């Protein structure tokens, strides 16, 4: 039996489903900026039916909500005391998972029904990724690289045969980042949590991004602040990590839809 306050906002969640999952040509970053600050996570579908590490994502939402302080209108959209009371139940992981599953399930059905005929729209995809796939956060003074706007960044040092990534306490640790570290441990690939530095990029065999939307995305070109371009070739080690992470993803999928839902 769900608490009364959860039942009370189900109608609101249903309305939000249609709004949030409506087809938009905005980027994910722009979409997030349209909404007030709060608890959020980004999920990845696998073969349309499942979500990668769905329980991990809903636990993250519940944990984030536990740490949000609703004090004196600090979160403007929640000035009403009743809003805080109604959200309180979602601090419980089991309720967050149940309600989020209903939301995502309804959203996926709507999303796929709207996108029939558009999934292979090459012009639209070209427009979305016309300039670049991601922007990296750079410390101009030190030339240290941190992470992407919605991804973690890795560089593979050729001579040291070591993966470089920013210290974990300086970046957001994504779901796929943890999978990369698990694969590296399994394959005996050393990982040095030292900032990759642009001054040393000629020593890199390659570099890649990790995120729920991209999984492992090898970087072909880095466009530097001065406009110059650094190109990378194929890296057997990065390709190994990429394939292993993909296989690991298949083990961690939680299905929310059935094939019949997509008809």
Foldseek 3Di string as FASTA:
>chain_A
DDDPLQVVCLVVLVVVLCVLLPDDLDDPVVSVVVDFDAQDDDWADDPLFWIFQLLVRLLSSLCRLVPDDCPPCPRVVPPDPSVNVSCVSSNDSVSSSVSVLVSVLVSSLVNLVVCVVPPPVVVSVCVSQVDHDWDWDADVVQQFTAQTPAWFKWFQQVVVQAIEGAAPVRDPCAPLNVVLVVVCVVVVRHYDNHTDGPVCNVRTQWMWIDHNHPHTGTDQWDQDPVRDIDGHDDDPVSVVSSVSSVVVSVVRIDGSHDPVSSD
